[in-house]
Amino acid sequence: MKTIVLDPGHGGQDTGATYRQYREKDFNLEVALLVRNYLLESYSANVLMTRTTDKTLTLAERTEIANDKNANFFCSIHHNAAGGRGFESYIYSGSVPDSTKRIQDIVHQEVYYAIDQYGVVNRGQKRANFFVLRNTEMDALLLEILFIDNEQDLQLILNDEFVNDVAKAVAQGIAKALSLPRKTTKPPAGKVLYKVIAGSFNEEVNAEERVAFLKDKGVDAWIYPVTIEGQLFYRVQAGAFAEKENALEQEVKIQQLGITDAFLVTEGTSEPPESDKPSNPEPVKGFSILGPTLLRPETLHQFLERVNPNAPDLAALYVELSRVYGIRGDVAFAQAVHETNYFRFTGVVQPGQNNYAGIGATGPNEPGATFATPKEGVLAHLQHLFAYASTEQPPSEFEIVDPRFSLVKRGSAKTWIQLNGKWAVPGTTYGQQILDLYERMLQLEIELVNAHIDQLEKAKQQLD
């Protein structure tokens, strides 16, 4: 298995380029983490990072990490400044093997092909005497994504879709250049794979402890990272099944070990692949974001309380305010449950932020937006969904409190599944996870309604 070292440039006391309140080191880390996640989710490779937090590292320490691990490839990720605009890549200006030149060709072309749609300037493939290129003992590449002090570039750097596209392109370019084998865990077209998740953690060490606990109990488990709205989680997977019944049995087994936060994630779809679908289907296929709210607030909160008895009671707000925007408020509530880990806030977003959708949370040092009240937080969530689901002007009942409303490509996600790769990155099953939660909420509503019907039938019999 090939080893890749990703190097987010600068960090800690070394901010890199700065412009207004923005710091290059933060953008570098955001992109590098996303690249790592794409590689780990899709390809068989050993991916190491020189830093995963805002840590100070010397240039020598960065190259030593790669050299000591006998890495096959080193990629340093930066953002530019000081006059100019666009994307460029560098290899060492001295003698380099043909493989280094070939890797630069492939990665540069892959990235520029992906971001050309945004009007990015192609500054070309270059060579320089940079320390990290000169002192690494393997093929090495340095990327300068965009200029943080150019207003046009900066707007793209702050655009989640652009950042996701860049990171995915870098990962795909690396995989293509190094001939990394694709992971074969994805189900074939038209099939669904049910993954059993035995916990999701903000700290990797906590995920490692969960894996050790499960293995001690005879349950095979492993860690894979996912990023949701810029926030990194370490998920512990304990099996993948083609039959949902088998996955549910495993979920129950995990819960019986005392792990109450186990849940299922579906990967794949029973719908035909995109290439087999009409280019402009009408009406929108899939479960739409816009639509009626079916579940009662009492049911939603009761579902939540089963996992977190101390959770805030926000279900009525979601149901009430969602009617203004024509959004399925019960599914939006399921999304909030997913984003906040049952309102336990185990990630970087804290309860006092009233940010139930992770809006603007881009990493360990950027916990995202803060809203003055719970109502404002729910409004921001619904408005963010409305921006994705509709091209219409938002209702005038409330002012726009979602700080990222104008950054969303309007109408780009009309269904919950279409949020994959947009709200969450790589997020290949993000919408499915929300709908899985919603399906469980529906089942609880059915159980409660049936119990009520039984009570009514008994009362009727007593009257007869």
Foldseek 3Di string as FASTA:
>chain_A
DAEEEEEQPFFDPGQPDDDDPDTWSLLSLLLSVLLVQLCQVWFDYHYHYLDNHRDGDDLVSSQCVCQVVVGAEYEYETAAEDDDWAKEKEAAPDDDDVLLVLLLVQLLVLLCVQCVVLVGDYPYYYYYHDSSRPRHPHRYMYIHGTYCNPVSRVLLSLFLLSSLSNSNSNNVSNCVSVVTHTDPPADPALFKKKWKWLDKAQDVVVLVVVQVVCVVVVFHWDWRWWFFQQRIIIIITGDMDRDVVVSVVVNVVSVVVVRVLMDMFMHHHNDGDPVPDDPDDPPDDAAFQAAAADDDLVLLVVLLCVRPVPADSCSVLLNVVLVQLRGHSSLLSLQLCVQCVSVPNNTCADNQQLQSLQQQCNYNVTSHHRDDDVSLNSQLSSLCSQQQQAPDDHDPPDDHPNPCSVSDNGNQGGHLCSCCVPSIVVRSRVSVSSVSSVVVSVVSVVVVVVVVVVVVVVVVVVVD
